[in-house]
Protein backbone atom coordinates (compact mmCIF):
# COMPACT_ATOMS: atom_id res chain seq x y z
CA MET A 1 0.00 0.00 0.00
CA GLN A 2 1.27 3.45 -0.93
CA THR A 3 2.87 5.44 1.86
CA LEU A 4 1.14 8.66 2.82
CA PRO A 5 4.03 10.75 4.13
CA ARG A 6 1.94 13.84 4.83
CA LEU A 7 -0.47 12.01 7.11
CA THR A 8 0.00 11.31 10.79
CA SER A 9 0.95 7.81 11.83
CA GLY A 10 -2.47 7.49 13.47
CA LEU A 11 -4.27 8.23 10.21
CA GLN A 12 -2.01 5.85 8.30
CA ARG A 13 -2.91 3.04 10.72
CA PHE A 14 -6.57 4.02 10.44
CA PHE A 15 -6.52 3.89 6.63
CA ALA A 16 -4.64 0.58 6.60
CA SER A 17 -7.18 -1.01 8.94
CA GLU A 18 -10.22 0.39 7.13
CA SER A 19 -9.03 -0.52 3.63
CA SER A 20 -8.21 -4.14 4.37
CA GLY A 21 -11.27 -4.38 6.59
CA GLY A 22 -13.38 -3.24 3.65
CA ILE A 23 -12.16 -6.21 1.62
CA VAL A 24 -13.08 -8.65 4.40
CA LEU A 25 -16.45 -6.91 4.75
CA ALA A 26 -17.11 -7.37 1.03
CA VAL A 27 -16.17 -11.05 1.20
CA ALA A 28 -18.52 -11.59 4.17
CA ALA A 29 -21.41 -9.85 2.38
CA LEU A 30 -20.80 -11.84 -0.81
CA ALA A 31 -20.66 -15.08 1.17
CA ALA A 32 -24.02 -14.27 2.77
CA LEU A 33 -25.58 -13.57 -0.63
CA LEU A 34 -24.21 -16.78 -2.14
CA LEU A 35 -25.25 -18.96 0.78
CA SER A 36 -28.75 -17.50 1.00
CA ASN A 37 -29.25 -18.32 -2.68
CA SER A 38 -27.84 -21.84 -2.60
CA ALA A 39 -28.80 -25.26 -1.31
CA TRP A 40 -27.23 -24.22 2.02
CA ALA A 41 -29.78 -21.44 2.55
CA PRO A 42 -31.54 -23.31 5.43
CA LEU A 43 -28.18 -23.73 7.18
CA TYR A 44 -27.43 -20.03 6.75
CA THR A 45 -30.80 -19.10 8.24
CA ALA A 46 -30.31 -21.57 11.09
CA PHE A 47 -26.89 -20.05 11.80
CA THR A 48 -28.33 -16.55 12.16
CA GLN A 49 -30.97 -17.90 14.54
CA ILE A 50 -28.63 -19.81 16.89
CA PRO A 51 -30.01 -19.09 20.37
CA GLY A 52 -27.85 -17.44 22.99
CA GLU A 53 -28.76 -16.79 26.60
CA VAL A 54 -27.25 -14.86 29.49
CA ASN A 55 -28.63 -15.78 32.92
CA ILE A 56 -27.53 -13.62 35.84
CA GLY A 57 -28.56 -14.23 39.44
CA ASP A 58 -30.33 -17.53 38.84
CA GLY A 59 -33.05 -16.02 36.68
CA ALA A 60 -32.99 -12.52 38.13
CA LEU A 61 -31.82 -11.23 34.75
CA VAL A 62 -32.23 -13.32 31.61
CA LEU A 63 -31.31 -12.18 28.10
CA ALA A 64 -32.29 -14.76 25.49
CA LYS A 65 -31.77 -13.74 21.87
CA PRO A 66 -30.83 -15.35 18.53
CA LEU A 67 -27.34 -14.77 17.15
CA ILE A 68 -28.39 -12.06 14.70
CA VAL A 69 -29.89 -9.97 17.55
CA TRP A 70 -26.78 -10.42 19.71
CA VAL A 71 -24.69 -9.23 16.77
CA ASN A 72 -26.92 -6.24 16.06
CA ASP A 73 -27.39 -5.18 19.69
CA LEU A 74 -24.15 -6.14 21.45
CA TRP A 75 -21.45 -6.64 18.81
CA MET A 76 -22.51 -3.46 17.02
CA ALA A 77 -22.28 -1.60 20.33
CA VAL A 78 -18.53 -2.29 20.09
CA PHE A 79 -18.56 -0.79 16.59
CA PHE A 80 -20.40 2.29 17.88
CA PHE A 81 -17.91 2.49 20.75
CA LEU A 82 -15.09 2.66 18.21
CA VAL A 83 -17.03 5.26 16.19
CA GLY A 84 -17.35 7.33 19.36
CA LEU A 85 -13.59 7.10 19.96
CA GLU A 86 -12.92 8.18 16.36
CA ILE A 87 -15.31 11.11 16.61
CA LYS A 88 -13.74 12.27 19.86
CA ARG A 89 -10.20 11.97 18.47
CA GLU A 90 -11.05 13.97 15.37
CA PHE A 91 -12.67 16.78 17.37
CA VAL A 92 -9.99 16.85 20.11
CA SER A 93 -6.77 16.53 18.14
CA GLY A 94 -7.58 15.38 14.61
CA GLU A 95 -8.70 16.85 11.31
CA LEU A 96 -11.86 18.36 12.84
CA ALA A 97 -10.14 20.06 15.79
CA GLN A 98 -10.05 23.43 14.00
CA ARG A 99 -13.23 25.04 12.75
CA SER A 100 -11.67 25.87 9.40
CA GLN A 101 -10.91 22.18 8.85
CA ALA A 102 -14.27 20.90 10.10
CA VAL A 103 -16.65 23.22 8.27
CA LEU A 104 -16.39 21.69 4.77
CA PRO A 105 -16.85 17.99 5.72
CA ALA A 106 -19.49 18.92 8.33
CA VAL A 107 -21.69 20.82 5.87
CA ALA A 108 -21.03 18.25 3.12
CA ALA A 109 -22.06 15.43 5.46
CA LEU A 110 -25.26 17.29 6.35
CA GLY A 111 -26.10 17.74 2.68
CA GLY A 112 -25.30 14.08 2.14
CA MET A 113 -27.92 13.14 4.74
CA VAL A 114 -30.68 15.57 3.79
CA VAL A 115 -30.81 15.02 0.00
CA PRO A 116 -30.96 11.16 0.13
CA ALA A 117 -33.66 11.38 2.81
CA LEU A 118 -35.68 13.76 0.61
CA ILE A 119 -35.36 11.46 -2.41
CA TYR A 120 -36.53 8.48 -0.37
CA ALA A 121 -39.37 10.45 1.22
CA GLY A 122 -40.49 11.76 -2.17
CA LEU A 123 -40.87 8.22 -3.51
CA ASN A 124 -42.58 6.87 -0.39
CA TRP A 125 -44.69 9.86 0.65
CA GLN A 126 -48.01 8.05 0.26
CA ASP A 127 -47.00 5.11 2.47
CA PRO A 128 -46.56 6.07 6.15
CA VAL A 129 -45.04 2.67 7.01
CA ALA A 130 -42.47 2.80 4.21
CA LEU A 131 -41.77 6.46 5.02
CA ASN A 132 -40.29 5.33 8.33
CA GLY A 133 -37.20 4.24 6.40
CA TRP A 134 -36.31 7.78 5.30
CA ALA A 135 -32.90 7.69 7.05
CA ILE A 136 -31.72 4.43 5.44
CA PRO A 137 -29.90 6.03 2.47
CA ALA A 138 -28.43 8.83 4.61
CA ALA A 139 -25.41 6.81 5.85
CA THR A 140 -21.92 6.18 4.48
CA ASP A 141 -19.95 2.97 5.08
CA ILE A 142 -16.48 4.18 5.97
CA ALA A 143 -14.79 0.77 5.61
CA PHE A 144 -15.93 0.21 2.01
CA ALA A 145 -15.38 3.81 0.94
CA ILE A 146 -11.88 4.09 2.45
CA GLY A 147 -11.04 0.64 1.10
CA ILE A 148 -11.76 1.78 -2.46
CA VAL A 149 -9.82 5.06 -2.30
CA MET A 150 -6.83 3.29 -0.78
CA LEU A 151 -6.85 0.66 -3.53
CA LEU A 152 -6.95 3.48 -6.11
CA GLY A 153 -3.68 4.76 -4.66
CA PRO A 154 -2.27 8.01 -6.17
CA ARG A 155 -5.40 8.65 -8.24
CA VAL A 156 -6.94 9.99 -5.02
CA PRO A 157 -4.96 12.80 -3.34
CA ALA A 158 -4.27 12.46 0.38
CA SER A 159 -6.42 15.55 1.00
CA LEU A 160 -9.46 13.76 -0.45
CA LYS A 161 -8.80 10.67 1.66
CA ILE A 162 -8.91 12.92 4.72
CA PHE A 163 -12.03 14.70 3.41
CA LEU A 164 -13.81 11.38 2.85
CA THR A 165 -12.85 10.15 6.31
CA ALA A 166 -14.09 13.36 7.93
CA VAL A 167 -17.38 13.28 6.00
CA ALA A 168 -17.94 9.64 6.95
CA ILE A 169 -17.20 10.33 10.62
CA MET A 170 -19.55 13.34 10.65
CA ASP A 171 -22.07 11.15 8.83
CA ASP A 172 -21.79 8.55 11.59
CA LEU A 173 -22.38 11.26 14.16
CA GLY A 174 -25.51 12.33 12.30
CA ALA A 175 -26.71 8.73 12.08
CA ILE A 176 -26.24 8.35 15.84
CA VAL A 177 -28.41 11.42 16.45
CA VAL A 178 -31.07 10.13 14.03
CA ILE A 179 -31.18 6.73 15.71
CA ALA A 180 -31.48 8.32 19.15
CA LEU A 181 -34.27 10.70 18.10
CA PHE A 182 -36.33 8.71 15.61
CA TYR A 183 -35.73 4.98 16.04
CA THR A 184 -36.69 4.24 19.62
CA SER A 185 -39.55 2.16 20.96
CA GLN A 186 -41.61 2.91 24.06
CA LEU A 187 -39.32 4.44 26.63
CA SER A 188 -38.77 3.19 30.16
CA VAL A 189 -38.13 6.21 32.37
CA THR A 190 -36.66 3.98 35.09
CA MET A 191 -34.09 2.41 32.77
CA LEU A 192 -33.24 5.76 31.21
CA ALA A 193 -32.65 7.16 34.68
CA ALA A 194 -30.35 4.22 35.47
CA ALA A 195 -28.46 4.87 32.22
CA ALA A 196 -28.14 8.54 33.21
CA VAL A 197 -26.62 7.47 36.55
CA CYS A 198 -24.08 5.39 34.63
CA MET A 199 -23.21 8.41 32.51
CA LEU A 200 -22.75 10.45 35.67
CA VAL A 201 -20.34 7.80 37.01
CA LEU A 202 -18.41 7.91 33.72
CA TRP A 203 -18.22 11.70 33.96
CA LEU A 204 -16.94 11.50 37.53
CA LEU A 205 -14.30 8.95 36.51
CA ASN A 206 -13.16 11.29 33.76
CA ARG A 207 -13.19 14.42 35.91
CA THR A 208 -11.23 12.78 38.72
CA GLY A 209 -8.51 11.69 36.28
CA VAL A 210 -9.15 7.93 36.35
CA ARG A 211 -7.24 6.44 33.42
CA ARG A 212 -8.05 2.74 33.78
CA ALA A 213 -10.03 1.92 30.64
CA ASP A 214 -11.44 -1.28 32.15
CA LEU A 215 -13.40 0.73 34.75
CA TYR A 216 -15.04 2.80 32.01
CA ILE A 217 -15.88 -0.36 30.07
CA VAL A 218 -17.49 -2.06 33.08
CA VAL A 219 -19.69 0.98 33.71
CA GLY A 220 -20.38 1.12 29.98
CA LEU A 221 -21.60 -2.49 29.99
CA VAL A 222 -24.01 -1.71 32.81
CA MET A 223 -25.19 1.32 30.84
CA TRP A 224 -25.61 -0.87 27.73
CA LEU A 225 -27.93 -3.15 29.68
CA CYS A 226 -29.94 -0.18 31.00
CA VAL A 227 -30.23 1.35 27.53
CA LEU A 228 -31.23 -2.04 26.09
CA LYS A 229 -34.13 -2.19 28.55
CA SER A 230 -35.03 1.50 28.10
CA GLY A 231 -36.35 1.39 24.53
CA VAL A 232 -33.45 3.42 23.10
CA HIS A 233 -31.23 1.30 20.88
CA ALA A 234 -28.51 -0.28 23.00
CA THR A 235 -25.66 0.52 20.59
CA LEU A 236 -25.87 4.18 21.58
CA ALA A 237 -24.39 3.19 24.95
CA GLY A 238 -21.19 2.40 23.09
CA VAL A 239 -20.94 5.95 21.76
CA ALA A 240 -21.74 7.50 25.14
CA THR A 241 -19.09 5.41 26.89
CA ALA A 242 -16.44 6.31 24.32
CA LEU A 243 -16.94 10.04 24.78
CA PHE A 244 -15.87 9.80 28.44
CA ILE A 245 -12.66 7.82 27.84
CA PRO A 246 -9.67 10.13 28.59
CA SER A 247 -8.11 11.39 25.37
CA GLN A 248 -5.06 13.02 26.96
CA GLY A 249 -1.80 11.36 27.85
CA ALA A 250 -0.60 11.08 31.44
CA ASP A 251 1.49 14.22 30.89
CA GLY A 252 -1.56 16.24 29.82
CA THR A 253 -0.71 16.25 26.12
CA ASP A 254 -3.26 15.56 23.38
CA GLY A 255 -2.58 11.83 23.65
CA GLU A 256 -1.43 11.16 20.09
CA ASP A 257 0.61 8.08 19.17
CA GLY A 258 -1.30 5.85 21.56
CA HIS A 259 -0.36 7.61 24.82
CA SER A 260 -3.94 8.08 26.05
CA PRO A 261 -6.50 5.42 27.05
CA ALA A 262 -8.74 6.52 24.16
CA GLU A 263 -5.92 6.16 21.61
CA GLN A 264 -4.88 2.78 23.00
CA LEU A 265 -8.43 1.47 22.89
CA GLU A 266 -8.97 2.79 19.37
CA HIS A 267 -5.81 1.17 18.03
CA GLY A 268 -6.53 -2.06 19.86
CA LEU A 269 -10.17 -2.29 18.75
CA HIS A 270 -9.70 -1.42 15.08
CA PRO A 271 -8.56 -4.90 13.98
CA TRP A 272 -11.34 -6.62 15.97
CA VAL A 273 -14.03 -4.35 14.56
CA ALA A 274 -12.67 -4.39 11.00
CA PHE A 275 -12.02 -8.11 10.79
CA LEU A 276 -14.62 -9.63 13.12
CA VAL A 277 -17.47 -7.36 14.25
CA LEU A 278 -18.36 -5.73 10.91
CA PRO A 279 -17.82 -8.88 8.79
CA MET A 280 -20.05 -10.82 11.20
CA PHE A 281 -22.69 -8.09 10.97
CA ALA A 282 -22.47 -8.20 7.16
CA PHE A 283 -22.63 -11.98 7.06
CA ALA A 284 -25.64 -12.11 9.39
CA ASN A 285 -27.56 -9.28 7.72
CA ALA A 286 -26.67 -9.26 4.01
CA GLY A 287 -28.23 -12.60 3.14
CA VAL A 288 -31.24 -12.05 0.87
CA SER A 289 -32.85 -14.69 -1.29
CA LEU A 290 -33.16 -13.59 -4.91
CA ARG A 291 -35.58 -16.39 -5.72
CA GLY A 292 -38.83 -14.93 -6.97
CA ILE A 293 -37.44 -11.40 -7.07
CA SER A 294 -39.11 -9.52 -9.91
CA VAL A 295 -38.64 -6.17 -11.60
CA SER A 296 -41.50 -4.84 -9.48
CA ASP A 297 -39.51 -5.69 -6.35
CA LEU A 298 -36.47 -3.82 -7.65
CA LEU A 299 -38.63 -0.84 -8.60
CA HIS A 300 -40.65 -0.83 -5.39
CA PRO A 301 -40.56 2.66 -3.81
CA VAL A 302 -38.63 1.35 -0.79
CA SER A 303 -35.92 -0.37 -2.85
CA LEU A 304 -35.79 2.40 -5.44
CA GLY A 305 -35.82 5.16 -2.82
CA ILE A 306 -32.85 3.63 -1.01
CA ALA A 307 -30.86 2.90 -4.17
CA LEU A 308 -31.45 6.35 -5.72
CA GLY A 309 -30.89 8.02 -2.37
CA LEU A 310 -27.49 6.39 -2.10
CA LEU A 311 -26.41 6.75 -5.74
CA LEU A 312 -27.84 10.17 -6.60
CA GLY A 313 -28.72 11.70 -3.25
CA LYS A 314 -25.31 11.24 -1.69
CA ALA A 315 -23.46 12.50 -4.78
CA ILE A 316 -25.72 15.54 -5.14
CA GLY A 317 -25.88 16.28 -1.41
CA VAL A 318 -22.20 15.92 -0.58
CA PHE A 319 -20.77 17.44 -3.76
CA GLY A 320 -23.43 20.13 -4.09
CA THR A 321 -22.95 21.51 -0.59
CA ALA A 322 -19.15 21.23 -0.85
CA TRP A 323 -19.22 23.08 -4.20
CA LEU A 324 -21.39 25.85 -2.75
CA MET A 325 -19.14 26.22 0.31
CA ILE A 326 -16.00 26.44 -1.82
CA ARG A 327 -17.50 28.78 -4.44
CA ALA A 328 -18.82 31.08 -1.70
CA GLY A 329 -15.35 31.28 -0.18
CA TRP A 330 -16.45 29.73 3.12
CA ALA A 331 -14.12 26.74 2.71
CA SER A 332 -11.14 25.70 0.63
CA LYS A 333 -11.09 22.90 -1.92
CA PRO A 334 -9.00 19.90 -0.75
CA GLY A 335 -5.42 20.50 -1.86
CA GLY A 336 -4.10 18.75 -4.98
CA ALA A 337 -7.61 17.70 -6.07
CA ASP A 338 -9.65 18.82 -9.08
CA TRP A 339 -13.43 19.00 -9.24
CA MET A 340 -13.83 15.63 -10.96
CA GLN A 341 -11.79 13.86 -8.29
CA LEU A 342 -13.84 15.56 -5.58
CA PHE A 343 -17.04 14.48 -7.33
CA GLY A 344 -15.80 10.88 -7.59
CA VAL A 345 -15.12 10.76 -3.85
CA CYS A 346 -18.57 12.25 -3.18
CA VAL A 347 -20.14 9.46 -5.27
CA LEU A 348 -18.30 6.93 -3.10
CA CYS A 349 -20.15 8.39 -0.10
CA GLY A 350 -23.18 6.55 -1.51
CA ILE A 351 -21.74 3.27 -0.26
CA GLY A 352 -24.00 2.97 2.76
CA PHE A 353 -23.81 -0.74 3.44
CA THR A 354 -23.27 -1.28 7.17
CA MET A 355 -25.10 1.68 8.71
CA SER A 356 -27.87 1.60 6.08
CA LEU A 357 -28.64 -2.05 6.79
CA PHE A 358 -28.52 -1.29 10.50
CA ILE A 359 -30.98 1.62 10.24
CA GLY A 360 -33.17 -0.44 7.92
CA GLY A 361 -33.43 -3.13 10.57
CA LEU A 362 -34.56 -0.51 13.09
CA ALA A 363 -36.99 1.20 10.72
CA PHE A 364 -38.94 -1.93 9.83
CA ALA A 365 -38.39 -4.09 12.91
CA GLY A 366 -41.23 -6.55 13.45
CA LEU A 367 -42.82 -5.95 10.03
CA ALA A 368 -43.28 -8.33 7.13
CA ALA A 369 -40.19 -9.96 5.61
CA ASP A 370 -40.91 -8.10 2.35
CA PHE A 371 -39.62 -4.90 3.93
CA GLU A 372 -36.35 -6.57 4.95
CA THR A 373 -35.89 -7.88 1.41
CA ARG A 374 -36.56 -4.47 -0.15
CA VAL A 375 -34.15 -2.78 2.25
CA LYS A 376 -31.39 -5.24 1.39
CA LEU A 377 -32.04 -4.95 -2.35
CA GLY A 378 -31.91 -1.16 -2.17
CA VAL A 379 -28.86 -0.98 0.08
CA ILE A 380 -26.83 -3.57 -1.81
CA GLY A 381 -27.84 -2.23 -5.22
CA GLY A 382 -27.29 1.43 -4.36
CA SER A 383 -24.00 0.77 -2.57
CA LEU A 384 -22.69 -1.39 -5.42
CA LEU A 385 -23.60 1.20 -8.07
CA SER A 386 -22.07 4.02 -6.01
CA GLY A 387 -18.87 2.05 -5.58
CA VAL A 388 -18.60 1.18 -9.28
CA VAL A 389 -19.49 4.66 -10.59
CA GLY A 390 -17.23 6.43 -8.08
CA THR A 391 -14.34 4.10 -8.90
CA LEU A 392 -14.77 4.61 -12.66
CA ILE A 393 -14.79 8.41 -12.23
CA LEU A 394 -11.62 8.34 -10.15
CA MET A 395 -9.87 5.88 -12.48
CA ARG A 396 -10.35 8.29 -15.37
CA ARG A 397 -8.17 10.80 -13.58
CA PRO A 398 -4.36 10.69 -13.61
CA ALA A 399 -2.40 10.26 -10.40
CA ALA A 400 -2.87 13.33 -8.22
CA ALA A 401 -0.07 15.83 -8.29
CA GLY A 402 1.26 16.69 -4.88
């Protein structure tokens, strides 16, 4: 893989993990698709439904769920924990620490969420049930997107790699807010209060200078359980826990190069998330039987809204807002990049695989299997087209100068 001399060692490790993780993620998703459309489909389904139970206090607390729910509720909480660490790093000492650096990807990410949501809503306006999936095409899959730009090497300037990473991280932050506000079931005030107590404990640990990461994680696990029982999606506990992990080194510096608990956890978790958590999520959730799928299924407003939201909405939203910001003089164009390269990277933002599938599962939880199939068709189709079109645009450009 090409060396990026102008990037920090932390970003180089991040890119290396995300790019190779994207390949593993693609293999896991492809395996799920192949198995679910083969003679082994019953075995694949049985695998995702393997029961798992946690029994604490001789029946005082019992959690019994199939494998796919454990992956989506617990394993993905680890992914959200890592996302929280990444967001905190970028705002404390990374590319988003200065307002001048954060404004372009922040506004571009917002445009990249609003336009896809509007496209989806426009196609599903007459169906209040389908309309609940408006946020599905508003997410970007950082592993796939970074994986592609890293494989393209010098055709994508380092400044655009940083821009894409920042947009995806801001996008994740937006998705977290959307999940918290719009995809919750009936709330338990008691459990929310207990979760708030856990957050208070985390704050006290941080304020008193406690640097043992295991203490934060134990409290975070208790908070995960409280959030799980509260009606808010349990993965948000992962983000909340991450934000309280100390990001400064013992000497009070910004904690770069792995000197802080947050940096150490981020570096340690990246391989596990990239090569185990996300591939398992993809394998458990990407399986969709194509038997009996007709043109009407592909053109259903849910499938079409997601696919067009990802392919067109992301490109228009991210590039359009970035273009306006740059033309108005409110932000600078990423160095060493031309407009076509910037547009190609914006198209890659339409790869929404992981988070889109995750939000789709929340939006249509408990409904007919047809909704799940349409979500998967739209997400896989839109993400694949975005990846192919974005790659072709970037491959037409020569290696970036500088």
